[in-house]
Amino acid sequence: VLRDDFRQTPGDVVVAVGDPAILECVPPRGHPEPSISWRKDGAQLSDKDERLTIRGGKLMVASTRKSDAGIYVCVATNVVGERASEPAELVVF
C-alpha cells in the first residue's frame, strides 16, 4: 500500500549563498514504509555530495551554492510504486 497524500510537502526556500537550506518532506503512509529520495530538476540527487544530507524526509544542504538553485521533488518509494511530492523551489541569492 502507498497512499497518495504526502503528510508534508516541501515548501519553497530562499537562502543566501553559503547558508544552509532545509527542505522538509513527510511521505505518505505506506506498507512497507516508503523510502525517501530527492530529485533536483528531474535528476536523482546523489548522496555522494558531502554537502547534502538526507535524514528522514529532510534534505539538508550544508553550504548552498548558486548551482543548488532549482526545483526539488521529494519521492516516496516502496514495492507498490512511487509517489512524487509537489515541486518546491530553492532560490539562492
C-alpha atoms as a PDB file:
ATOM      1  CA  VAL A   1       0.000   0.000   0.000  1.00  0.00           C
ATOM      2  CA  LEU A   2       1.201   3.523  -0.764  1.00  0.00           C
ATOM      3  CA  ARG A   3      -1.210   6.375  -0.216  1.00  0.00           C
ATOM      4  CA  ASP A   4      -1.355   9.404  -2.463  1.00  0.00           C
ATOM      5  CA  ASP A   5      -1.190  12.130   0.108  1.00  0.00           C
ATOM      6  CA  PHE A   6       2.084  13.460   1.449  1.00  0.00           C
ATOM      7  CA  ARG A   7       1.730  14.371   5.113  1.00  0.00           C
ATOM      8  CA  GLN A   8       4.010  17.355   4.464  1.00  0.00           C
ATOM      9  CA  THR A   9       5.179  18.558   1.077  1.00  0.00           C
ATOM     10  CA  PRO A  10       8.332  20.627   0.729  1.00  0.00           C
ATOM     11  CA  GLY A  11       7.868  24.378   0.551  1.00  0.00           C
ATOM     12  CA  ASP A  12       9.846  26.953  -1.397  1.00  0.00           C
ATOM     13  CA  VAL A  13      13.059  28.064   0.310  1.00  0.00           C
ATOM     14  CA  VAL A  14      15.081  31.229  -0.230  1.00  0.00           C
ATOM     15  CA  VAL A  15      18.646  31.379   1.121  1.00  0.00           C
ATOM     16  CA  ALA A  16      21.850  33.357   0.645  1.00  0.00           C
ATOM     17  CA  VAL A  17      24.929  31.699  -0.874  1.00  0.00           C
ATOM     18  CA  GLY A  18      26.827  29.832   1.849  1.00  0.00           C
ATOM     19  CA  ASP A  19      23.812  29.486   4.145  1.00  0.00           C
ATOM     20  CA  PRO A  20      22.283  26.088   4.926  1.00  0.00           C
ATOM     21  CA  ALA A  21      18.998  25.156   3.272  1.00  0.00           C
ATOM     22  CA  ILE A  22      16.485  22.615   4.558  1.00  0.00           C
ATOM     23  CA  LEU A  23      13.637  21.141   2.532  1.00  0.00           C
ATOM     24  CA  GLU A  24      11.230  19.049   4.571  1.00  0.00           C
ATOM     25  CA  CYS A  25       9.008  16.249   3.396  1.00  0.00           C
ATOM     26  CA  VAL A  26       6.809  13.810   5.293  1.00  0.00           C
ATOM     27  CA  PRO A  27       5.914  10.957   2.930  1.00  0.00           C
ATOM     28  CA  PRO A  28       2.533   9.309   2.567  1.00  0.00           C
ATOM     29  CA  ARG A  29       1.830   6.369   4.828  1.00  0.00           C
ATOM     30  CA  GLY A  30       2.639   3.064   3.216  1.00  0.00           C
ATOM     31  CA  HIS A  31       3.195  -0.601   3.887  1.00  0.00           C
ATOM     32  CA  PRO A  32       6.037  -1.301   3.780  1.00  0.00           C
ATOM     33  CA  GLU A  33       7.122   2.157   4.977  1.00  0.00           C
ATOM     34  CA  PRO A  34       8.313   4.089   1.910  1.00  0.00           C
ATOM     35  CA  SER A  35      11.912   5.188   1.497  1.00  0.00           C
ATOM     36  CA  ILE A  36      12.604   8.818   0.606  1.00  0.00           C
ATOM     37  CA  SER A  37      14.766  10.196  -2.129  1.00  0.00           C
ATOM     38  CA  TRP A  38      15.018  13.634  -3.707  1.00  0.00           C
ATOM     39  CA  ARG A  39      15.209  14.866  -7.265  1.00  0.00           C
ATOM     40  CA  LYS A  40      16.521  18.198  -8.434  1.00  0.00           C
ATOM     41  CA  ASP A  41      15.323  19.434 -11.817  1.00  0.00           C
ATOM     42  CA  GLY A  42      14.199  15.879 -12.602  1.00  0.00           C
ATOM     43  CA  ALA A  43      17.518  14.177 -11.780  1.00  0.00           C
ATOM     44  CA  GLN A  44      18.079  11.894  -8.771  1.00  0.00           C
ATOM     45  CA  LEU A  45      20.218  13.580  -6.117  1.00  0.00           C
ATOM     46  CA  SER A  46      23.342  11.691  -5.194  1.00  0.00           C
ATOM     47  CA  ASP A  47      24.255  11.162  -1.574  1.00  0.00           C
ATOM     48  CA  LYS A  48      27.887  11.252  -2.727  1.00  0.00           C
ATOM     49  CA  ASP A  49      27.838  15.055  -2.366  1.00  0.00           C
ATOM     50  CA  GLU A  50      29.121  15.608   1.164  1.00  0.00           C
ATOM     51  CA  ARG A  51      27.181  18.899   1.406  1.00  0.00           C
ATOM     52  CA  LEU A  52      23.879  17.019   1.114  1.00  0.00           C
ATOM     53  CA  THR A  53      22.270  15.087   3.941  1.00  0.00           C
ATOM     54  CA  ILE A  54      19.010  13.197   3.617  1.00  0.00           C
ATOM     55  CA  ARG A  55      17.657  12.233   7.027  1.00  0.00           C
ATOM     56  CA  GLY A  56      14.109  11.045   7.338  1.00  0.00           C
ATOM     57  CA  GLY A  57      12.305  13.283   4.891  1.00  0.00           C
ATOM     58  CA  LYS A  58      14.640  16.244   5.319  1.00  0.00           C
ATOM     59  CA  LEU A  59      17.047  17.324   2.631  1.00  0.00           C
ATOM     60  CA  MET A  60      19.774  19.475   4.133  1.00  0.00           C
ATOM     61  CA  VAL A  61      22.255  21.423   2.026  1.00  0.00           C
ATOM     62  CA  ALA A  62      25.150  22.407   4.290  1.00  0.00           C
ATOM     63  CA  SER A  63      26.513  25.372   2.373  1.00  0.00           C
ATOM     64  CA  THR A  64      24.412  26.410  -0.596  1.00  0.00           C
ATOM     65  CA  ARG A  65      25.887  27.392  -3.928  1.00  0.00           C
ATOM     66  CA  LYS A  66      24.251  29.172  -6.835  1.00  0.00           C
ATOM     67  CA  SER A  67      24.205  25.792  -8.603  1.00  0.00           C
ATOM     68  CA  ASP A  68      21.926  24.353  -5.892  1.00  0.00           C
ATOM     69  CA  ALA A  69      19.069  26.581  -7.032  1.00  0.00           C
ATOM     70  CA  GLY A  70      16.332  24.659  -8.816  1.00  0.00           C
ATOM     71  CA  ILE A  71      13.142  22.683  -8.481  1.00  0.00           C
ATOM     72  CA  TYR A  72      13.171  19.900  -5.895  1.00  0.00           C
ATOM     73  CA  VAL A  73      10.756  16.992  -5.559  1.00  0.00           C
ATOM     74  CA  CYS A  74      10.520  14.530  -2.689  1.00  0.00           C
ATOM     75  CA  VAL A  75       9.920  10.949  -3.870  1.00  0.00           C
ATOM     76  CA  ALA A  76       8.463   8.187  -1.672  1.00  0.00           C
ATOM     77  CA  THR A  77       9.106   4.656  -2.926  1.00  0.00           C
ATOM     78  CA  ASN A  78       8.094   1.189  -1.809  1.00  0.00           C
ATOM     79  CA  VAL A  79       7.322  -2.134  -3.517  1.00  0.00           C
ATOM     80  CA  VAL A  80       3.941  -0.835  -4.716  1.00  0.00           C
ATOM     81  CA  GLY A  81       5.429   2.087  -6.610  1.00  0.00           C
ATOM     82  CA  GLU A  82       6.412   5.669  -6.087  1.00  0.00           C
ATOM     83  CA  ARG A  83       4.773   8.995  -5.365  1.00  0.00           C
ATOM     84  CA  ALA A  84       6.314  12.394  -6.038  1.00  0.00           C
ATOM     85  CA  SER A  85       5.501  15.468  -3.972  1.00  0.00           C
ATOM     86  CA  GLU A  86       4.518  18.831  -5.322  1.00  0.00           C
ATOM     87  CA  PRO A  87       7.656  20.637  -6.507  1.00  0.00           C
ATOM     88  CA  ALA A  88       9.434  23.166  -4.279  1.00  0.00           C
ATOM     89  CA  GLU A  89      11.847  25.810  -5.490  1.00  0.00           C
ATOM     90  CA  LEU A  90      15.184  26.543  -3.852  1.00  0.00           C
ATOM     91  CA  VAL A  91      16.246  30.117  -4.609  1.00  0.00           C
ATOM     92  CA  VAL A  92      19.873  31.048  -3.860  1.00  0.00           C
ATOM     93  CA  PHE A  93      20.834  34.720  -3.939  1.00  0.00           C
END
